[in-house]
Amino acid sequence: MNLTTKYRNAKKEKAIEYLGGICWRCEEVYDREVYDFHHLDPNTKEYSWTVLRRYKWETIKKELDKCILLCSNCHRLAHKEMRENAVL
């Protein structure tokens, strides 16, 4: 594993810890790769994780404050529910 990958993994670990370390919805604990950062209001999203992880912690924290921590399965279900409840 190269230094950049280690650095990005450490940032994601810190972000997961910052948001509580468990899936907000199912309350299970998973490996780092399973977690997603879900914006409660999609209109406030400024960065995706792939872009955000390049920034300093203060910028990351500001974006995480708009999010909840979800496992990938619960994240997909949350977006399904958002689509089903959308007013067209």
C-alpha atoms as a PDB file:
ATOM      1  CA  MET A   1       0.000   0.000   0.000  1.00  0.00           C
ATOM      2  CA  ASN A   2       1.441   3.346  -0.979  1.00  0.00           C
ATOM      3  CA  LEU A   3       1.604   6.415   1.237  1.00  0.00           C
ATOM      4  CA  THR A   4      -1.308   8.189  -0.497  1.00  0.00           C
ATOM      5  CA  THR A   5      -3.605   5.204   0.050  1.00  0.00           C
ATOM      6  CA  LYS A   6      -2.602   4.985   3.723  1.00  0.00           C
ATOM      7  CA  TYR A   7      -3.259   8.709   4.153  1.00  0.00           C
ATOM      8  CA  ARG A   8      -6.707   8.510   2.508  1.00  0.00           C
ATOM      9  CA  ASN A   9      -7.633   5.416   4.541  1.00  0.00           C
ATOM     10  CA  ALA A  10      -6.665   7.239   7.729  1.00  0.00           C
ATOM     11  CA  LYS A  11      -8.871  10.186   6.739  1.00  0.00           C
ATOM     12  CA  LYS A  12     -11.832   7.894   6.120  1.00  0.00           C
ATOM     13  CA  GLU A  13     -11.251   6.162   9.472  1.00  0.00           C
ATOM     14  CA  LYS A  14     -11.260   9.572  11.180  1.00  0.00           C
ATOM     15  CA  ALA A  15     -14.425  10.601   9.310  1.00  0.00           C
ATOM     16  CA  ILE A  16     -16.182   7.358  10.293  1.00  0.00           C
ATOM     17  CA  GLU A  17     -15.180   7.878  13.916  1.00  0.00           C
ATOM     18  CA  TYR A  18     -16.361  11.510  13.750  1.00  0.00           C
ATOM     19  CA  LEU A  19     -19.833  10.334  12.655  1.00  0.00           C
ATOM     20  CA  GLY A  20     -20.094   7.733  15.408  1.00  0.00           C
ATOM     21  CA  GLY A  21     -18.570   4.592  13.910  1.00  0.00           C
ATOM     22  CA  ILE A  22     -21.836   2.713  13.326  1.00  0.00           C
ATOM     23  CA  CYS A  23     -24.488   2.761  10.619  1.00  0.00           C
ATOM     24  CA  TRP A  24     -27.066   5.364  11.605  1.00  0.00           C
ATOM     25  CA  ARG A  25     -29.904   3.225  10.252  1.00  0.00           C
ATOM     26  CA  CYS A  26     -29.178  -0.437  11.087  1.00  0.00           C
ATOM     27  CA  GLU A  27     -26.794   0.341  13.971  1.00  0.00           C
ATOM     28  CA  GLU A  28     -24.251  -2.267  12.831  1.00  0.00           C
ATOM     29  CA  VAL A  29     -20.469  -1.896  12.761  1.00  0.00           C
ATOM     30  CA  TYR A  30     -18.670  -2.643   9.491  1.00  0.00           C
ATOM     31  CA  ASP A  31     -15.264  -2.424   7.869  1.00  0.00           C
ATOM     32  CA  ARG A  32     -14.237   0.992   6.546  1.00  0.00           C
ATOM     33  CA  GLU A  33     -14.981   0.055   2.928  1.00  0.00           C
ATOM     34  CA  VAL A  34     -18.671  -0.552   3.656  1.00  0.00           C
ATOM     35  CA  TYR A  35     -19.478   2.939   4.951  1.00  0.00           C
ATOM     36  CA  ASP A  36     -20.870   5.839   2.935  1.00  0.00           C
ATOM     37  CA  PHE A  37     -21.458   9.443   3.941  1.00  0.00           C
ATOM     38  CA  HIS A  38     -25.083  10.297   3.183  1.00  0.00           C
ATOM     39  CA  HIS A  39     -26.164  13.916   2.845  1.00  0.00           C
ATOM     40  CA  LEU A  40     -29.494  14.448   4.601  1.00  0.00           C
ATOM     41  CA  ASP A  41     -30.254  17.292   2.198  1.00  0.00           C
ATOM     42  CA  PRO A  42     -28.757  16.582  -1.242  1.00  0.00           C
ATOM     43  CA  ASN A  43     -28.986  20.287  -2.084  1.00  0.00           C
ATOM     44  CA  THR A  44     -26.284  21.077   0.497  1.00  0.00           C
ATOM     45  CA  LYS A  45     -23.753  18.631  -0.938  1.00  0.00           C
ATOM     46  CA  GLU A  46     -20.592  20.388  -2.065  1.00  0.00           C
ATOM     47  CA  TYR A  47     -18.205  17.434  -2.352  1.00  0.00           C
ATOM     48  CA  SER A  48     -18.309  13.694  -2.877  1.00  0.00           C
ATOM     49  CA  TRP A  49     -15.960  11.662  -0.699  1.00  0.00           C
ATOM     50  CA  THR A  50     -13.589  10.977  -3.607  1.00  0.00           C
ATOM     51  CA  VAL A  51     -12.984  14.723  -3.906  1.00  0.00           C
ATOM     52  CA  LEU A  52     -13.398  15.656  -0.244  1.00  0.00           C
ATOM     53  CA  ARG A  53     -10.770  13.197   1.002  1.00  0.00           C
ATOM     54  CA  ARG A  54      -8.104  15.365  -0.663  1.00  0.00           C
ATOM     55  CA  TYR A  55      -8.861  18.348   1.586  1.00  0.00           C
ATOM     56  CA  LYS A  56      -7.798  19.350   5.074  1.00  0.00           C
ATOM     57  CA  TRP A  57      -9.715  17.992   8.049  1.00  0.00           C
ATOM     58  CA  GLU A  58     -11.562  21.264   8.730  1.00  0.00           C
ATOM     59  CA  THR A  59     -13.089  21.199   5.225  1.00  0.00           C
ATOM     60  CA  ILE A  60     -13.917  17.510   5.569  1.00  0.00           C
ATOM     61  CA  LYS A  61     -15.557  18.100   8.953  1.00  0.00           C
ATOM     62  CA  LYS A  62     -17.691  20.938   7.559  1.00  0.00           C
ATOM     63  CA  GLU A  63     -19.055  18.610   4.849  1.00  0.00           C
ATOM     64  CA  LEU A  64     -19.512  15.686   7.274  1.00  0.00           C
ATOM     65  CA  ASP A  65     -21.680  17.900   9.468  1.00  0.00           C
ATOM     66  CA  LYS A  66     -24.276  17.658   6.675  1.00  0.00           C
ATOM     67  CA  CYS A  67     -24.143  13.847   6.660  1.00  0.00           C
ATOM     68  CA  ILE A  68     -25.013  10.690   8.486  1.00  0.00           C
ATOM     69  CA  LEU A  69     -22.964   7.504   8.360  1.00  0.00           C
ATOM     70  CA  LEU A  70     -24.666   4.642   6.529  1.00  0.00           C
ATOM     71  CA  CYS A  71     -23.549   1.198   5.448  1.00  0.00           C
ATOM     72  CA  SER A  72     -23.724   0.755   1.681  1.00  0.00           C
ATOM     73  CA  ASN A  73     -26.931  -1.287   1.888  1.00  0.00           C
ATOM     74  CA  CYS A  74     -28.750   1.262   4.040  1.00  0.00           C
ATOM     75  CA  HIS A  75     -27.425   4.043   1.803  1.00  0.00           C
ATOM     76  CA  ARG A  76     -29.012   2.425  -1.249  1.00  0.00           C
ATOM     77  CA  LEU A  77     -32.287   1.985   0.641  1.00  0.00           C
ATOM     78  CA  ALA A  78     -32.216   5.644   1.734  1.00  0.00           C
ATOM     79  CA  HIS A  79     -31.866   6.788  -1.882  1.00  0.00           C
ATOM     80  CA  LYS A  80     -34.632   4.395  -2.980  1.00  0.00           C
ATOM     81  CA  GLU A  81     -36.938   5.910  -0.358  1.00  0.00           C
ATOM     82  CA  MET A  82     -35.958   9.425  -1.426  1.00  0.00           C
ATOM     83  CA  ARG A  83     -36.877   8.604  -5.041  1.00  0.00           C
ATOM     84  CA  GLU A  84     -40.169   7.019  -3.995  1.00  0.00           C
ATOM     85  CA  ASN A  85     -41.112  10.029  -1.876  1.00  0.00           C
ATOM     86  CA  ALA A  86     -40.003  12.670  -4.379  1.00  0.00           C
ATOM     87  CA  VAL A  87     -42.610  15.064  -5.638  1.00  0.00           C
ATOM     88  CA  LEU A  88     -42.445  15.125  -9.433  1.00  0.00           C
END
